[in-house]
C-alpha cells in the first residue's frame, strides 16, 4: 500500500508543481510582458573569403543560401523562435509568422 500511496502523492505533487509553475508564469508575464525585445530576421547566409569581402563595392551582389520566397528565421537574443515569410506592409518589410519553433522542433501556425 505504501507504493500506491507514494504513486498517488507523486501524481498530485506534479499537478501542484504544474499549477505553481503556471501561476509563476502569469506573474512573470504580468511583470515583464511589456518589456521591449530586439528581434532579428535572418534571410540567409553566405561563406566568402576575406579577399571577396574586401573586393565588395556598392552594387556587389552576394548569393545567399536561401531560396527566393523561402522562409526566413526570426531570432530573439540569437535564439531561433519562429520562421515566416517576408511581406510588404505599405513601403516597409514585414514578417508573416508561419511556424513557431519550440525546443523539440517547430509548431506550424
PDB file of N, CA and C in Angstrom:
ATOM      1  N   UNK A   1       0.818  -1.197   0.000  1.00  0.00           N
ATOM      2  CA  UNK A   1       0.000   0.000   0.000  1.00  0.00           C
ATOM      3  C   UNK A   1       0.854   1.251   0.000  1.00  0.00           C
ATOM      4  N   UNK A   2       2.005   1.153   0.579  1.00  0.00           N
ATOM      5  CA  UNK A   2       2.885   2.308   0.616  1.00  0.00           C
ATOM      6  C   UNK A   2       3.253   2.754  -0.783  1.00  0.00           C
ATOM      7  N   UNK A   3       3.546   1.786  -1.683  1.00  0.00           N
ATOM      8  CA  UNK A   3       3.901   2.132  -3.053  1.00  0.00           C
ATOM      9  C   UNK A   3       2.766   2.858  -3.750  1.00  0.00           C
ATOM     10  N   UNK A   4       1.522   2.408  -3.526  1.00  0.00           N
ATOM     11  CA  UNK A   4       0.367   3.046  -4.162  1.00  0.00           C
ATOM     12  C   UNK A   4       0.187   4.465  -3.641  1.00  0.00           C
ATOM     13  N   UNK A   5       0.366   4.657  -2.328  1.00  0.00           N
ATOM     14  CA  UNK A   5       0.256   5.998  -1.747  1.00  0.00           C
ATOM     15  C   UNK A   5       1.350   6.908  -2.287  1.00  0.00           C
ATOM     16  N   UNK A   6       2.576   6.362  -2.403  1.00  0.00           N
ATOM     17  CA  UNK A   6       3.682   7.155  -2.945  1.00  0.00           C
ATOM     18  C   UNK A   6       3.387   7.583  -4.370  1.00  0.00           C
ATOM     19  N   UNK A   7       2.821   6.655  -5.170  1.00  0.00           N
ATOM     20  CA  UNK A   7       2.500   6.968  -6.560  1.00  0.00           C
ATOM     21  C   UNK A   7       1.438   8.053  -6.625  1.00  0.00           C
ATOM     22  N   UNK A   8       0.422   7.950  -5.751  1.00  0.00           N
ATOM     23  CA  UNK A   8      -0.625   8.971  -5.737  1.00  0.00           C
ATOM     24  C   UNK A   8      -0.076  10.323  -5.308  1.00  0.00           C
ATOM     25  N   UNK A   9       0.813  10.312  -4.304  1.00  0.00           N
ATOM     26  CA  UNK A   9       1.411  11.566  -3.861  1.00  0.00           C
ATOM     27  C   UNK A   9       2.255  12.186  -4.964  1.00  0.00           C
ATOM     28  N   UNK A  10       2.973  11.341  -5.708  1.00  0.00           N
ATOM     29  CA  UNK A  10       3.798  11.840  -6.800  1.00  0.00           C
ATOM     30  C   UNK A  10       2.956  12.481  -7.873  1.00  0.00           C
ATOM     31  N   UNK A  11       1.818  11.876  -8.209  1.00  0.00           N
ATOM     32  CA  UNK A  11       0.945  12.419  -9.243  1.00  0.00           C
ATOM     33  C   UNK A  11       0.358  13.734  -8.798  1.00  0.00           C
ATOM     34  N   UNK A  12      -0.129  13.800  -7.546  1.00  0.00           N
ATOM     35  CA  UNK A  12      -0.729  15.051  -7.089  1.00  0.00           C
ATOM     36  C   UNK A  12       0.349  16.108  -6.888  1.00  0.00           C
ATOM     37  N   UNK A  13       1.550  15.669  -6.534  1.00  0.00           N
ATOM     38  CA  UNK A  13       2.649  16.620  -6.379  1.00  0.00           C
ATOM     39  C   UNK A  13       3.006  17.282  -7.681  1.00  0.00           C
ATOM     40  N   UNK A  14       2.995  16.517  -8.786  1.00  0.00           N
ATOM     41  CA  UNK A  14       3.330  17.110 -10.086  1.00  0.00           C
ATOM     42  C   UNK A  14       2.226  18.046 -10.544  1.00  0.00           C
ATOM     43  N   UNK A  15       0.969  17.724 -10.217  1.00  0.00           N
ATOM     44  CA  UNK A  15      -0.127  18.643 -10.560  1.00  0.00           C
ATOM     45  C   UNK A  15       0.043  19.951  -9.814  1.00  0.00           C
ATOM     46  N   UNK A  16       0.438  19.867  -8.536  1.00  0.00           N
ATOM     47  CA  UNK A  16       0.664  21.075  -7.750  1.00  0.00           C
ATOM     48  C   UNK A  16       1.809  21.887  -8.318  1.00  0.00           C
ATOM     49  N   UNK A  17       2.861  21.204  -8.759  1.00  0.00           N
ATOM     50  CA  UNK A  17       4.010  21.895  -9.353  1.00  0.00           C
ATOM     51  C   UNK A  17       3.608  22.580 -10.649  1.00  0.00           C
ATOM     52  N   UNK A  18       2.738  21.901 -11.444  1.00  0.00           N
ATOM     53  CA  UNK A  18       2.266  22.496 -12.699  1.00  0.00           C
ATOM     54  C   UNK A  18       1.465  23.761 -12.431  1.00  0.00           C
ATOM     55  N   UNK A  19       0.591  23.733 -11.427  1.00  0.00           N
ATOM     56  CA  UNK A  19      -0.220  24.919 -11.141  1.00  0.00           C
ATOM     57  C   UNK A  19       0.648  26.039 -10.577  1.00  0.00           C
ATOM     58  N   UNK A  20       1.656  25.684  -9.773  1.00  0.00           N
ATOM     59  CA  UNK A  20       2.580  26.709  -9.265  1.00  0.00           C
ATOM     60  C   UNK A  20       3.376  27.319 -10.407  1.00  0.00           C
ATOM     61  N   UNK A  21       3.830  26.480 -11.342  1.00  0.00           N
ATOM     62  CA  UNK A  21       4.580  26.963 -12.499  1.00  0.00           C
ATOM     63  C   UNK A  21       3.716  27.880 -13.346  1.00  0.00           C
ATOM     64  N   UNK A  22       2.453  27.499 -13.527  1.00  0.00           N
ATOM     65  CA  UNK A  22       1.524  28.311 -14.306  1.00  0.00           C
ATOM     66  C   UNK A  22       1.286  29.655 -13.621  1.00  0.00           C
ATOM     67  N   UNK A  23       1.124  29.632 -12.302  1.00  0.00           N
ATOM     68  CA  UNK A  23       0.921  30.874 -11.552  1.00  0.00           C
ATOM     69  C   UNK A  23       2.157  31.761 -11.648  1.00  0.00           C
ATOM     70  N   UNK A  24       3.330  31.151 -11.545  1.00  0.00           N
ATOM     71  CA  UNK A  24       4.577  31.906 -11.661  1.00  0.00           C
ATOM     72  C   UNK A  24       4.709  32.507 -13.055  1.00  0.00           C
ATOM     73  N   UNK A  25       4.360  31.728 -14.083  1.00  0.00           N
ATOM     74  CA  UNK A  25       4.417  32.238 -15.455  1.00  0.00           C
ATOM     75  C   UNK A  25       3.507  33.447 -15.616  1.00  0.00           C
ATOM     76  N   UNK A  26       2.335  33.400 -15.017  1.00  0.00           N
ATOM     77  CA  UNK A  26       1.397  34.526 -15.099  1.00  0.00           C
ATOM     78  C   UNK A  26       1.970  35.763 -14.428  1.00  0.00           C
ATOM     79  N   UNK A  27       2.610  35.577 -13.282  1.00  0.00           N
ATOM     80  CA  UNK A  27       3.210  36.701 -12.558  1.00  0.00           C
ATOM     81  C   UNK A  27       4.352  37.297 -13.370  1.00  0.00           C
ATOM     82  N   UNK A  28       5.207  36.437 -13.923  1.00  0.00           N
ATOM     83  CA  UNK A  28       6.340  36.904 -14.726  1.00  0.00           C
ATOM     84  C   UNK A  28       5.837  37.630 -15.963  1.00  0.00           C
ATOM     85  N   UNK A  29       4.832  37.072 -16.638  1.00  0.00           N
ATOM     86  CA  UNK A  29       4.275  37.715 -17.824  1.00  0.00           C
ATOM     87  C   UNK A  29       3.669  39.072 -17.477  1.00  0.00           C
ATOM     88  N   UNK A  30       2.974  39.164 -16.365  1.00  0.00           N
ATOM     89  CA  UNK A  30       2.384  40.435 -15.951  1.00  0.00           C
ATOM     90  C   UNK A  30       3.475  41.471 -15.674  1.00  0.00           C
ATOM     91  N   UNK A  31       4.576  41.026 -15.082  1.00  0.00           N
ATOM     92  CA  UNK A  31       5.654  41.946 -14.733  1.00  0.00           C
ATOM     93  C   UNK A  31       6.501  42.336 -15.935  1.00  0.00           C
ATOM     94  N   UNK A  32       6.732  41.394 -16.838  1.00  0.00           N
ATOM     95  CA  UNK A  32       7.666  41.627 -17.933  1.00  0.00           C
ATOM     96  C   UNK A  32       7.015  41.688 -19.306  1.00  0.00           C
ATOM     97  N   UNK A  33       5.713  41.503 -19.376  1.00  0.00           N
ATOM     98  CA  UNK A  33       5.013  41.408 -20.647  1.00  0.00           C
ATOM     99  C   UNK A  33       5.175  42.605 -21.564  1.00  0.00           C
ATOM    100  N   UNK A  34       5.388  43.790 -21.011  1.00  0.00           N
ATOM    101  CA  UNK A  34       5.528  44.995 -21.828  1.00  0.00           C
ATOM    102  C   UNK A  34       6.985  45.356 -22.110  1.00  0.00           C
ATOM    103  N   UNK A  35       7.912  44.499 -21.687  1.00  0.00           N
ATOM    104  CA  UNK A  35       9.335  44.745 -21.920  1.00  0.00           C
ATOM    105  C   UNK A  35       9.631  44.649 -23.418  1.00  0.00           C
ATOM    106  N   UNK A  36      10.418  45.569 -23.929  1.00  0.00           N
ATOM    107  CA  UNK A  36      10.796  45.564 -25.345  1.00  0.00           C
ATOM    108  C   UNK A  36      11.942  44.583 -25.585  1.00  0.00           C
ATOM    109  N   UNK A  37      11.833  43.858 -26.681  1.00  0.00           N
ATOM    110  CA  UNK A  37      12.879  42.917 -27.081  1.00  0.00           C
ATOM    111  C   UNK A  37      13.332  43.256 -28.493  1.00  0.00           C
ATOM    112  N   UNK A  38      14.613  43.168 -28.736  1.00  0.00           N
ATOM    113  CA  UNK A  38      15.133  43.349 -30.091  1.00  0.00           C
ATOM    114  C   UNK A  38      14.990  42.023 -30.813  1.00  0.00           C
ATOM    115  N   UNK A  39      14.327  42.043 -31.958  1.00  0.00           N
ATOM    116  CA  UNK A  39      14.196  40.835 -32.766  1.00  0.00           C
ATOM    117  C   UNK A  39      15.002  41.018 -34.040  1.00  0.00           C
ATOM    118  N   UNK A  40      15.422  39.915 -34.593  1.00  0.00           N
ATOM    119  CA  UNK A  40      16.273  39.924 -35.780  1.00  0.00           C
ATOM    120  C   UNK A  40      15.688  38.945 -36.782  1.00  0.00           C
ATOM    121  N   UNK A  41      15.700  39.317 -38.043  1.00  0.00           N
ATOM    122  CA  UNK A  41      15.234  38.427 -39.097  1.00  0.00           C
ATOM    123  C   UNK A  41      16.433  38.046 -39.943  1.00  0.00           C
ATOM    124  N   UNK A  42      16.674  36.734 -40.038  1.00  0.00           N
ATOM    125  CA  UNK A  42      17.806  36.233 -40.818  1.00  0.00           C
ATOM    126  C   UNK A  42      17.265  35.670 -42.128  1.00  0.00           C
ATOM    127  N   UNK A  43      17.676  36.309 -43.223  1.00  0.00           N
ATOM    128  CA  UNK A  43      17.205  35.925 -44.555  1.00  0.00           C
ATOM    129  C   UNK A  43      18.008  34.754 -45.096  1.00  0.00           C
ATOM    130  N   UNK A  44      19.291  34.751 -44.869  1.00  0.00           N
ATOM    131  CA  UNK A  44      20.165  33.700 -45.375  1.00  0.00           C
ATOM    132  C   UNK A  44      21.595  34.018 -44.996  1.00  0.00           C
ATOM    133  N   UNK A  45      22.503  33.187 -45.466  1.00  0.00           N
ATOM    134  CA  UNK A  45      23.913  33.429 -45.164  1.00  0.00           C
ATOM    135  C   UNK A  45      24.763  33.012 -46.355  1.00  0.00           C
ATOM    136  N   UNK A  46      25.996  33.437 -46.313  1.00  0.00           N
ATOM    137  CA  UNK A  46      26.956  33.081 -47.361  1.00  0.00           C
ATOM    138  C   UNK A  46      28.326  32.953 -46.715  1.00  0.00           C
ATOM    139  N   UNK A  47      29.149  32.127 -47.276  1.00  0.00           N
ATOM    140  CA  UNK A  47      30.523  31.990 -46.812  1.00  0.00           C
ATOM    141  C   UNK A  47      31.418  32.537 -47.912  1.00  0.00           C
ATOM    142  N   UNK A  48      32.148  33.593 -47.588  1.00  0.00           N
ATOM    143  CA  UNK A  48      33.038  34.197 -48.572  1.00  0.00           C
ATOM    144  C   UNK A  48      34.413  34.388 -47.947  1.00  0.00           C
ATOM    145  N   UNK A  49      35.401  34.535 -48.791  1.00  0.00           N
ATOM    146  CA  UNK A  49      36.757  34.744 -48.296  1.00  0.00           C
ATOM    147  C   UNK A  49      36.938  36.207 -47.900  1.00  0.00           C
ATOM    148  N   UNK A  50      37.959  36.453 -47.149  1.00  0.00           N
ATOM    149  CA  UNK A  50      38.284  37.826 -46.768  1.00  0.00           C
ATOM    150  C   UNK A  50      38.556  38.656 -48.021  1.00  0.00           C
ATOM    151  N   UNK A  51      39.220  38.083 -48.996  1.00  0.00           N
ATOM    152  CA  UNK A  51      39.509  38.790 -50.244  1.00  0.00           C
ATOM    153  C   UNK A  51      38.209  39.214 -50.942  1.00  0.00           C
ATOM    154  N   UNK A  52      37.238  38.266 -51.009  1.00  0.00           N
ATOM    155  CA  UNK A  52      35.955  38.593 -51.634  1.00  0.00           C
ATOM    156  C   UNK A  52      35.242  39.712 -50.883  1.00  0.00           C
ATOM    157  N   UNK A  53      35.333  39.681 -49.553  1.00  0.00           N
ATOM    158  CA  UNK A  53      34.721  40.736 -48.751  1.00  0.00           C
ATOM    159  C   UNK A  53      35.375  42.078 -49.032  1.00  0.00           C
ATOM    160  N   UNK A  54      36.705  42.078 -49.097  1.00  0.00           N
ATOM    161  CA  UNK A  54      37.433  43.320 -49.352  1.00  0.00           C
ATOM    162  C   UNK A  54      37.193  43.845 -50.769  1.00  0.00           C
ATOM    163  N   UNK A  55      36.853  42.959 -51.683  1.00  0.00           N
ATOM    164  CA  UNK A  55      36.567  43.364 -53.066  1.00  0.00           C
ATOM    165  C   UNK A  55      35.152  43.904 -53.245  1.00  0.00           C
ATOM    166  N   UNK A  56      34.311  43.799 -52.212  1.00  0.00           N
ATOM    167  CA  UNK A  56      32.934  44.281 -52.327  1.00  0.00           C
ATOM    168  C   UNK A  56      32.897  45.796 -52.487  1.00  0.00           C
ATOM    169  N   UNK A  57      32.068  46.246 -53.379  1.00  0.00           N
ATOM    170  CA  UNK A  57      31.844  47.673 -53.606  1.00  0.00           C
ATOM    171  C   UNK A  57      30.337  47.884 -53.710  1.00  0.00           C
ATOM    172  N   UNK A  58      29.877  49.110 -53.658  1.00  0.00           N
ATOM    173  CA  UNK A  58      28.438  49.335 -53.866  1.00  0.00           C
ATOM    174  C   UNK A  58      28.008  48.706 -55.196  1.00  0.00           C
ATOM    175  N   UNK A  59      26.964  47.908 -55.140  1.00  0.00           N
ATOM    176  CA  UNK A  59      26.495  47.211 -56.326  1.00  0.00           C
ATOM    177  C   UNK A  59      26.875  45.745 -56.362  1.00  0.00           C
ATOM    178  N   UNK A  60      27.809  45.333 -55.507  1.00  0.00           N
ATOM    179  CA  UNK A  60      28.187  43.924 -55.439  1.00  0.00           C
ATOM    180  C   UNK A  60      26.997  43.113 -54.937  1.00  0.00           C
ATOM    181  N   UNK A  61      26.754  41.974 -55.554  1.00  0.00           N
ATOM    182  CA  UNK A  61      25.664  41.088 -55.148  1.00  0.00           C
ATOM    183  C   UNK A  61      26.265  39.816 -54.563  1.00  0.00           C
ATOM    184  N   UNK A  62      25.841  39.470 -53.357  1.00  0.00           N
ATOM    185  CA  UNK A  62      26.280  38.233 -52.711  1.00  0.00           C
ATOM    186  C   UNK A  62      25.159  37.204 -52.808  1.00  0.00           C
ATOM    187  N   UNK A  63      25.467  36.020 -53.285  1.00  0.00           N
ATOM    188  CA  UNK A  63      24.482  34.939 -53.342  1.00  0.00           C
ATOM    189  C   UNK A  63      24.349  34.325 -51.949  1.00  0.00           C
ATOM    190  N   UNK A  64      23.125  34.223 -51.465  1.00  0.00           N
ATOM    191  CA  UNK A  64      22.855  33.627 -50.162  1.00  0.00           C
ATOM    192  C   UNK A  64      22.374  32.193 -50.343  1.00  0.00           C
ATOM    193  N   UNK A  65      22.383  31.447 -49.252  1.00  0.00           N
ATOM    194  CA  UNK A  65      21.989  30.043 -49.305  1.00  0.00           C
ATOM    195  C   UNK A  65      20.480  29.835 -49.180  1.00  0.00           C
ATOM    196  N   UNK A  66      19.695  30.891 -49.292  1.00  0.00           N
ATOM    197  CA  UNK A  66      18.244  30.793 -49.135  1.00  0.00           C
ATOM    198  C   UNK A  66      17.542  30.994 -50.473  1.00  0.00           C
ATOM    199  N   UNK A  67      16.487  30.222 -50.727  1.00  0.00           N
ATOM    200  CA  UNK A  67      15.750  30.408 -51.976  1.00  0.00           C
ATOM    201  C   UNK A  67      14.886  31.668 -51.926  1.00  0.00           C
ATOM    202  N   UNK A  68      14.669  32.287 -53.067  1.00  0.00           N
ATOM    203  CA  UNK A  68      13.778  33.439 -53.144  1.00  0.00           C
ATOM    204  C   UNK A  68      12.376  32.961 -52.756  1.00  0.00           C
ATOM    205  N   UNK A  69      11.734  33.687 -51.868  1.00  0.00           N
ATOM    206  CA  UNK A  69      10.398  33.313 -51.422  1.00  0.00           C
ATOM    207  C   UNK A  69      10.385  32.259 -50.332  1.00  0.00           C
ATOM    208  N   UNK A  70      11.563  31.818 -49.887  1.00  0.00           N
ATOM    209  CA  UNK A  70      11.636  30.807 -48.831  1.00  0.00           C
ATOM    210  C   UNK A  70      11.372  31.418 -47.462  1.00  0.00           C
ATOM    211  N   UNK A  71      11.270  30.563 -46.470  1.00  0.00           N
ATOM    212  CA  UNK A  71      11.053  31.025 -45.111  1.00  0.00           C
ATOM    213  C   UNK A  71      12.321  31.665 -44.562  1.00  0.00           C
ATOM    214  N   UNK A  72      12.133  32.679 -43.718  1.00  0.00           N
ATOM    215  CA  UNK A  72      13.239  33.343 -43.050  1.00  0.00           C
ATOM    216  C   UNK A  72      13.117  33.076 -41.552  1.00  0.00           C
ATOM    217  N   UNK A  73      14.202  33.244 -40.830  1.00  0.00           N
ATOM    218  CA  UNK A  73      14.238  32.948 -39.399  1.00  0.00           C
ATOM    219  C   UNK A  73      14.025  34.206 -38.577  1.00  0.00           C
ATOM    220  N   UNK A  74      13.229  34.095 -37.509  1.00  0.00           N
ATOM    221  CA  UNK A  74      13.043  35.160 -36.530  1.00  0.00           C
ATOM    222  C   UNK A  74      13.815  34.764 -35.284  1.00  0.00           C
ATOM    223  N   UNK A  75      14.745  35.625 -34.881  1.00  0.00           N
ATOM    224  CA  UNK A  75      15.584  35.333 -33.722  1.00  0.00           C
ATOM    225  C   UNK A  75      15.374  36.377 -32.635  1.00  0.00           C
ATOM    226  N   UNK A  76      15.424  35.935 -31.389  1.00  0.00           N
ATOM    227  CA  UNK A  76      15.390  36.818 -30.228  1.00  0.00           C
ATOM    228  C   UNK A  76      16.579  36.425 -29.369  1.00  0.00           C
ATOM    229  N   UNK A  77      17.454  37.373 -29.122  1.00  0.00           N
ATOM    230  CA  UNK A  77      18.654  37.070 -28.352  1.00  0.00           C
ATOM    231  C   UNK A  77      19.515  36.011 -29.013  1.00  0.00           C
ATOM    232  N   UNK A  78      19.501  35.974 -30.333  1.00  0.00           N
ATOM    233  CA  UNK A  78      20.297  34.994 -31.062  1.00  0.00           C
ATOM    234  C   UNK A  78      19.665  33.612 -31.130  1.00  0.00           C
ATOM    235  N   UNK A  79      18.512  33.429 -30.504  1.00  0.00           N
ATOM    236  CA  UNK A  79      17.839  32.134 -30.488  1.00  0.00           C
ATOM    237  C   UNK A  79      16.691  32.120 -31.489  1.00  0.00           C
ATOM    238  N   UNK A  80      16.609  31.069 -32.286  1.00  0.00           N
ATOM    239  CA  UNK A  80      15.536  30.911 -33.257  1.00  0.00           C
ATOM    240  C   UNK A  80      14.223  30.684 -32.521  1.00  0.00           C
ATOM    241  N   UNK A  81      13.206  31.527 -32.792  1.00  0.00           N
ATOM    242  CA  UNK A  81      11.912  31.376 -32.136  1.00  0.00           C
ATOM    243  C   UNK A  81      10.775  31.130 -33.128  1.00  0.00           C
ATOM    244  N   UNK A  82      10.964  31.534 -34.394  1.00  0.00           N
ATOM    245  CA  UNK A  82       9.901  31.346 -35.385  1.00  0.00           C
ATOM    246  C   UNK A  82      10.475  31.430 -36.785  1.00  0.00           C
ATOM    247  N   UNK A  83       9.668  31.002 -37.753  1.00  0.00           N
ATOM    248  CA  UNK A  83      10.003  31.157 -39.170  1.00  0.00           C
ATOM    249  C   UNK A  83       8.806  31.802 -39.845  1.00  0.00           C
ATOM    250  N   UNK A  84       9.094  32.549 -40.906  1.00  0.00           N
ATOM    251  CA  UNK A  84       7.990  33.208 -41.581  1.00  0.00           C
ATOM    252  C   UNK A  84       8.341  33.649 -42.982  1.00  0.00           C
ATOM    253  N   UNK A  85       7.370  34.345 -43.596  1.00  0.00           N
ATOM    254  CA  UNK A  85       7.510  34.853 -44.959  1.00  0.00           C
ATOM    255  C   UNK A  85       7.632  36.367 -44.922  1.00  0.00           C
ATOM    256  N   UNK A  86       8.520  36.893 -45.746  1.00  0.00           N
ATOM    257  CA  UNK A  86       8.622  38.343 -45.868  1.00  0.00           C
ATOM    258  C   UNK A  86       7.410  38.852 -46.636  1.00  0.00           C
ATOM    259  N   UNK A  87       6.832  39.950 -46.152  1.00  0.00           N
ATOM    260  CA  UNK A  87       5.672  40.558 -46.800  1.00  0.00           C
ATOM    261  C   UNK A  87       5.888  42.066 -46.873  1.00  0.00           C
ATOM    262  N   UNK A  88       5.187  42.700 -47.796  1.00  0.00           N
ATOM    263  CA  UNK A  88       5.236  44.165 -47.906  1.00  0.00           C
ATOM    264  C   UNK A  88       4.110  44.753 -47.075  1.00  0.00           C
ATOM    265  N   UNK A  89       4.456  45.732 -46.245  1.00  0.00           N
ATOM    266  CA  UNK A  89       3.469  46.487 -45.470  1.00  0.00           C
ATOM    267  C   UNK A  89       3.663  47.937 -45.859  1.00  0.00           C
ATOM    268  N   UNK A  90       2.816  48.422 -46.762  1.00  0.00           N
ATOM    269  CA  UNK A  90       2.988  49.742 -47.361  1.00  0.00           C
ATOM    270  C   UNK A  90       4.392  49.803 -47.966  1.00  0.00           C
ATOM    271  N   UNK A  91       5.253  50.671 -47.441  1.00  0.00           N
ATOM    272  CA  UNK A  91       6.599  50.778 -48.013  1.00  0.00           C
ATOM    273  C   UNK A  91       7.654  50.109 -47.116  1.00  0.00           C
ATOM    274  N   UNK A  92       7.208  49.259 -46.186  1.00  0.00           N
ATOM    275  CA  UNK A  92       8.131  48.582 -45.282  1.00  0.00           C
ATOM    276  C   UNK A  92       8.064  47.072 -45.473  1.00  0.00           C
ATOM    277  N   UNK A  93       9.066  46.398 -44.953  1.00  0.00           N
ATOM    278  CA  UNK A  93       9.109  44.943 -44.978  1.00  0.00           C
ATOM    279  C   UNK A  93       8.533  44.439 -43.662  1.00  0.00           C
ATOM    280  N   UNK A  94       7.705  43.395 -43.748  1.00  0.00           N
ATOM    281  CA  UNK A  94       7.146  42.767 -42.559  1.00  0.00           C
ATOM    282  C   UNK A  94       7.407  41.283 -42.588  1.00  0.00           C
ATOM    283  N   UNK A  95       7.000  40.605 -41.532  1.00  0.00           N
ATOM    284  CA  UNK A  95       7.183  39.158 -41.426  1.00  0.00           C
ATOM    285  C   UNK A  95       5.870  38.516 -41.027  1.00  0.00           C
ATOM    286  N   UNK A  96       5.380  37.596 -41.849  1.00  0.00           N
ATOM    287  CA  UNK A  96       4.198  36.799 -41.513  1.00  0.00           C
ATOM    288  C   UNK A  96       4.703  35.504 -40.891  1.00  0.00           C
ATOM    289  N   UNK A  97       4.376  35.284 -39.627  1.00  0.00           N
ATOM    290  CA  UNK A  97       4.822  34.081 -38.920  1.00  0.00           C
ATOM    291  C   UNK A  97       4.095  32.867 -39.493  1.00  0.00           C
ATOM    292  N   UNK A  98       4.869  31.859 -39.879  1.00  0.00           N
ATOM    293  CA  UNK A  98       4.323  30.630 -40.435  1.00  0.00           C
ATOM    294  C   UNK A  98       4.432  29.491 -39.430  1.00  0.00           C
ATOM    295  N   UNK A  99       5.520  29.477 -38.662  1.00  0.00           N
ATOM    296  CA  UNK A  99       5.683  28.427 -37.655  1.00  0.00           C
ATOM    297  C   UNK A  99       6.444  28.968 -36.462  1.00  0.00           C
ATOM    298  N   UNK A 100       6.066  28.469 -35.284  1.00  0.00           N
ATOM    299  CA  UNK A 100       6.752  28.791 -34.042  1.00  0.00           C
ATOM    300  C   UNK A 100       7.702  27.637 -33.761  1.00  0.00           C
ATOM    301  N   UNK A 101       8.935  27.953 -33.438  1.00  0.00           N
ATOM    302  CA  UNK A 101       9.930  26.921 -33.170  1.00  0.00           C
ATOM    303  C   UNK A 101       9.974  26.671 -31.669  1.00  0.00           C
ATOM    304  N   UNK A 102       9.772  25.419 -31.294  1.00  0.00           N
ATOM    305  CA  UNK A 102       9.825  25.029 -29.888  1.00  0.00           C
ATOM    306  C   UNK A 102      11.109  24.253 -29.651  1.00  0.00           C
ATOM    307  N   UNK A 103      11.366  23.917 -28.416  1.00  0.00           N
ATOM    308  CA  UNK A 103      12.594  23.174 -28.095  1.00  0.00           C
ATOM    309  C   UNK A 103      12.674  21.851 -28.839  1.00  0.00           C
ATOM    310  N   UNK A 104      11.543  21.203 -29.052  1.00  0.00           N
ATOM    311  CA  UNK A 104      11.542  19.896 -29.681  1.00  0.00           C
ATOM    312  C   UNK A 104      11.390  19.952 -31.194  1.00  0.00           C
ATOM    313  N   UNK A 105      11.312  21.118 -31.777  1.00  0.00           N
ATOM    314  CA  UNK A 105      11.117  21.224 -33.227  1.00  0.00           C
ATOM    315  C   UNK A 105      10.338  22.463 -33.556  1.00  0.00           C
ATOM    316  N   UNK A 106       9.299  22.333 -34.397  1.00  0.00           N
ATOM    317  CA  UNK A 106       8.505  23.503 -34.747  1.00  0.00           C
ATOM    318  C   UNK A 106       7.032  23.147 -34.727  1.00  0.00           C
ATOM    319  N   UNK A 107       6.214  24.149 -34.466  1.00  0.00           N
ATOM    320  CA  UNK A 107       4.762  24.021 -34.488  1.00  0.00           C
ATOM    321  C   UNK A 107       4.244  24.935 -35.565  1.00  0.00           C
ATOM    322  N   UNK A 108       3.677  24.349 -36.634  1.00  0.00           N
ATOM    323  CA  UNK A 108       3.195  25.188 -37.737  1.00  0.00           C
ATOM    324  C   UNK A 108       1.979  25.961 -37.294  1.00  0.00           C
ATOM    325  N   UNK A 109       1.905  27.209 -37.769  1.00  0.00           N
ATOM    326  CA  UNK A 109       0.783  28.076 -37.404  1.00  0.00           C
ATOM    327  C   UNK A 109      -0.406  27.847 -38.307  1.00  0.00           C
TER     328      UNK A 109
END
